């Protein structure tokens, strides 16, 4: 039994959430303790804009107040490796109503922990395999045979979107020619594969394997 003039309040079943970009989400339920005399509207907001709230607006009324309403929190999945593997956001709610019994009602806040799913790396692809180079200075083995038109090629791209321009410089031994010798990746072309061509000098000496 709820007294006629008992104050209305709003409840959320959890106060903490853990979400992962591109995968794990969290579900919550919001409810009220009594039938409202006028619409009780609840809007949710993300303080850091790192999570999506779906739906982000609820309206309790006399016909639906007994049914808890479900909403979902989901991390915004960007392509940038974040400086912190685990970040935080804060979800808060705002109540608006003409119902005097819910005038002082507030919504509990939710603390959200967010895990990133991106990793910085240079992606190197050739016909046979794909390499993910995590270090800025790593060697890649390739095989070329001397001949009048012998070339090899591979494709370069980045595994995640850079915060600033990234220049990749390609160096090779003296017998090899590389074109181009550097590639610049930006936030607009980071995932577009760039073609790198290798050729070897065809001399008249028996060099064996070099």
Protein backbone atom coordinates (compact mmCIF):
# COMPACT_ATOMS: atom_id res chain seq x y z
CA UNK A 1 0.00 0.00 0.00
CA UNK A 2 1.36 3.43 -0.96
CA UNK A 3 -0.08 6.40 0.95
CA UNK A 4 -1.89 8.88 -1.26
CA UNK A 5 0.63 11.66 -0.64
CA UNK A 6 3.76 9.52 -0.43
CA UNK A 7 6.57 11.18 -2.40
CA UNK A 8 7.50 9.65 -5.70
CA UNK A 9 11.01 8.44 -6.37
CA UNK A 10 12.88 6.94 -9.32
CA UNK A 11 15.19 3.94 -9.09
CA UNK A 12 17.89 2.43 -11.31
CA UNK A 13 18.87 -1.16 -10.59
CA UNK A 14 22.68 -0.60 -10.91
CA UNK A 15 25.09 2.26 -10.37
CA UNK A 16 28.17 0.90 -12.20
CA UNK A 17 28.79 -0.40 -15.70
CA UNK A 18 31.68 -1.95 -17.63
CA UNK A 19 31.56 -1.78 -21.44
CA UNK A 20 34.00 -2.61 -24.24
CA UNK A 21 34.22 -0.84 -27.58
CA UNK A 22 32.60 -2.94 -30.28
CA UNK A 23 31.38 -5.75 -28.01
CA UNK A 24 30.26 -5.70 -24.38
CA UNK A 25 27.23 -3.56 -23.46
CA UNK A 26 25.31 -3.14 -20.19
CA UNK A 27 21.56 -3.18 -19.59
CA UNK A 28 19.74 -1.31 -16.82
CA UNK A 29 16.19 -0.96 -15.56
CA UNK A 30 14.57 2.26 -14.38
CA UNK A 31 11.33 2.29 -12.38
CA UNK A 32 9.10 4.52 -10.25
CA UNK A 33 7.49 3.65 -6.92
CA UNK A 34 3.98 4.95 -7.56
CA UNK A 35 1.49 5.94 -10.24
CA UNK A 36 2.19 9.49 -11.39
CA UNK A 37 -0.59 12.02 -11.69
CA UNK A 38 1.17 13.59 -14.65
CA UNK A 39 3.88 12.44 -17.04
CA UNK A 40 7.25 11.88 -15.34
CA UNK A 41 9.93 12.37 -17.99
CA UNK A 42 13.50 11.18 -17.52
CA UNK A 43 16.35 12.12 -19.87
CA UNK A 44 19.84 10.61 -19.68
CA UNK A 45 23.12 12.25 -20.67
CA UNK A 46 26.75 11.17 -20.98
CA UNK A 47 29.14 13.65 -19.38
CA UNK A 48 32.17 12.76 -21.54
CA UNK A 49 30.17 11.65 -24.62
CA UNK A 50 31.98 8.31 -24.61
CA UNK A 51 28.89 6.11 -24.38
CA UNK A 52 25.61 5.79 -26.23
CA UNK A 53 22.41 5.57 -24.18
CA UNK A 54 19.53 3.77 -25.85
CA UNK A 55 16.87 4.91 -25.42
CA UNK A 56 17.92 8.10 -23.65
CA UNK A 57 14.41 9.34 -22.84
CA UNK A 58 11.57 7.78 -20.80
CA UNK A 59 8.10 8.89 -19.92
CA UNK A 60 6.28 7.23 -17.03
CA UNK A 61 2.51 7.68 -16.84
CA UNK A 62 -0.43 6.14 -15.04
CA UNK A 63 -0.76 3.39 -17.66
CA UNK A 64 2.85 2.12 -17.63
CA UNK A 65 4.41 3.04 -14.29
CA UNK A 66 4.30 -0.54 -12.94
CA UNK A 67 6.62 -1.85 -15.69
CA UNK A 68 10.35 -1.14 -15.25
CA UNK A 69 11.84 0.28 -18.43
CA UNK A 70 15.07 -1.11 -19.89
CA UNK A 71 17.89 0.95 -21.35
CA UNK A 72 21.32 0.09 -22.69
CA UNK A 73 24.78 1.63 -22.38
CA UNK A 74 27.21 1.07 -25.23
CA UNK A 75 30.75 2.40 -25.74
CA UNK A 76 31.24 4.59 -28.79
CA UNK A 77 33.49 2.46 -31.00
CA UNK A 78 36.08 4.69 -32.64
CA UNK A 79 39.19 3.62 -34.59
CA UNK A 80 41.70 5.41 -32.35
CA UNK A 81 43.90 3.68 -29.79
CA UNK A 82 43.16 5.60 -26.61
CA UNK A 83 46.01 6.66 -24.36
CA UNK A 84 44.31 4.93 -21.44
CA UNK A 85 43.17 1.33 -21.95
CA UNK A 86 40.36 1.85 -19.45
CA UNK A 87 38.53 5.18 -19.48
CA UNK A 88 35.60 6.44 -17.46
CA UNK A 89 32.35 8.20 -18.21
CA UNK A 90 29.48 9.36 -16.06
CA UNK A 91 25.80 8.99 -16.97
CA UNK A 92 23.34 11.26 -15.21
CA UNK A 93 19.61 11.86 -15.54
CA UNK A 94 17.28 14.85 -15.53
CA UNK A 95 13.65 14.64 -14.35
CA UNK A 96 10.86 16.90 -15.59
CA UNK A 97 7.23 16.63 -14.49
CA UNK A 98 4.17 18.59 -13.39
CA UNK A 99 3.44 15.96 -10.74
CA UNK A 100 4.05 17.62 -7.37
CA UNK A 101 4.81 14.27 -5.75
CA UNK A 102 7.76 13.74 -8.14
CA UNK A 103 9.02 17.34 -7.96
CA UNK A 104 11.94 16.37 -5.74
CA UNK A 105 12.67 13.07 -7.46
CA UNK A 106 16.16 12.53 -8.81
CA UNK A 107 17.86 9.80 -10.81
CA UNK A 108 20.87 7.88 -9.55
CA UNK A 109 24.09 8.36 -11.51
CA UNK A 110 25.96 5.58 -13.27
CA UNK A 111 29.76 5.32 -13.35
CA UNK A 112 30.90 3.66 -16.58
CA UNK A 113 34.28 2.01 -17.17
CA UNK A 114 35.21 1.69 -20.84
CA UNK A 115 37.82 -0.60 -22.38
CA UNK A 116 39.39 0.27 -25.74
CA UNK A 117 39.61 -2.27 -28.58
CA UNK A 118 42.16 -0.55 -30.83
CA UNK A 119 45.92 -1.05 -31.08
CA UNK A 120 48.50 0.97 -32.97
CA UNK A 121 50.43 -0.98 -35.58
CA UNK A 122 51.72 -0.77 -39.14
CA UNK A 123 50.01 -3.35 -41.35
CA UNK A 124 52.29 -4.85 -44.02
CA UNK A 125 50.70 -7.17 -46.58
CA UNK A 126 52.18 -9.11 -49.44
CA UNK A 127 50.82 -11.95 -51.55
CA UNK A 128 51.54 -14.56 -48.91
CA UNK A 129 50.90 -13.05 -45.50
CA UNK A 130 50.07 -10.04 -43.36
CA UNK A 131 52.40 -8.61 -40.71
CA UNK A 132 51.46 -6.31 -37.84
CA UNK A 133 54.49 -4.27 -36.84
CA UNK A 134 54.10 -2.91 -33.31
CA UNK A 135 57.57 -1.35 -33.15
CA UNK A 136 58.50 1.70 -35.24
CA UNK A 137 61.74 -0.02 -36.35
CA UNK A 138 61.28 -3.60 -37.52
CA UNK A 139 62.68 -5.51 -40.49
CA UNK A 140 60.60 -7.41 -43.00
CA UNK A 141 62.16 -10.29 -44.94
CA UNK A 142 61.42 -10.45 -48.67
CA UNK A 143 62.98 -12.43 -51.52
CA UNK A 144 63.96 -11.05 -54.93
CA UNK A 145 65.81 -12.61 -57.86
CA UNK A 146 67.98 -10.54 -60.18
CA UNK A 147 66.50 -10.06 -63.60
CA UNK A 148 65.61 -7.39 -66.13
CA UNK A 149 62.12 -6.86 -64.77
CA UNK A 150 62.14 -8.37 -61.29
CA UNK A 151 60.11 -6.43 -58.77
CA UNK A 152 58.24 -7.17 -55.58
CA UNK A 153 55.52 -5.21 -53.89
CA UNK A 154 53.68 -4.96 -50.61
CA UNK A 155 50.92 -2.84 -49.14
CA UNK A 156 51.16 -0.53 -46.14
CA UNK A 157 48.37 0.77 -43.94
CA UNK A 158 47.74 1.53 -40.27
CA UNK A 159 45.82 -0.69 -37.87
CA UNK A 160 44.17 2.23 -36.06
CA UNK A 161 43.41 5.87 -36.79
CA UNK A 162 46.26 8.22 -35.79
CA UNK A 163 45.76 11.35 -33.71
CA UNK A 164 48.37 13.19 -35.82
CA UNK A 165 50.03 12.48 -39.16
CA UNK A 166 52.25 9.38 -39.22
CA UNK A 167 55.19 9.15 -41.62
CA UNK A 168 56.49 5.66 -42.44
CA UNK A 169 59.98 5.65 -43.97
CA UNK A 170 61.23 2.60 -45.86
CA UNK A 171 64.93 1.82 -45.99
CA UNK A 172 66.67 -1.02 -47.82
CA UNK A 173 70.14 -2.31 -48.62
CA UNK A 174 72.18 -0.60 -51.34
CA UNK A 175 71.25 -3.18 -53.98
CA UNK A 176 67.53 -2.48 -53.62
CA UNK A 177 65.45 0.37 -54.96
CA UNK A 178 62.32 1.39 -53.05
CA UNK A 179 59.46 3.52 -54.36
CA UNK A 180 58.15 5.51 -52.64
CA UNK A 181 60.63 5.75 -49.77
CA UNK A 182 58.09 7.25 -47.38
CA UNK A 183 54.33 7.29 -46.90
CA UNK A 184 52.28 9.75 -44.85
CA UNK A 185 49.14 8.48 -43.14
CA UNK A 186 46.50 10.89 -41.86
CA UNK A 187 43.16 10.57 -40.10
CA UNK A 188 41.49 10.39 -43.53
CA UNK A 189 43.72 7.83 -45.31
CA UNK A 190 45.11 5.68 -42.46
CA UNK A 191 43.24 2.54 -43.59
CA UNK A 192 43.87 2.98 -47.33
CA UNK A 193 46.54 0.57 -48.54
CA UNK A 194 49.62 2.25 -50.03
CA UNK A 195 51.62 0.33 -52.65
CA UNK A 196 55.40 -0.02 -52.11
CA UNK A 197 57.55 -1.33 -54.98
CA UNK A 198 60.93 -3.01 -54.59
CA UNK A 199 63.42 -3.76 -57.36
CA UNK A 200 66.93 -5.20 -57.29
CA UNK A 201 69.95 -4.16 -59.31
CA UNK A 202 70.68 -6.69 -62.06
CA UNK A 203 74.47 -6.83 -62.21
CA UNK A 204 76.77 -9.25 -64.08
CA UNK A 205 78.38 -10.75 -60.97
CA UNK A 206 77.70 -14.07 -59.28
CA UNK A 207 76.63 -12.70 -55.91
CA UNK A 208 75.00 -15.84 -54.56
CA UNK A 209 72.38 -15.02 -51.95
CA UNK A 210 72.54 -11.59 -50.36
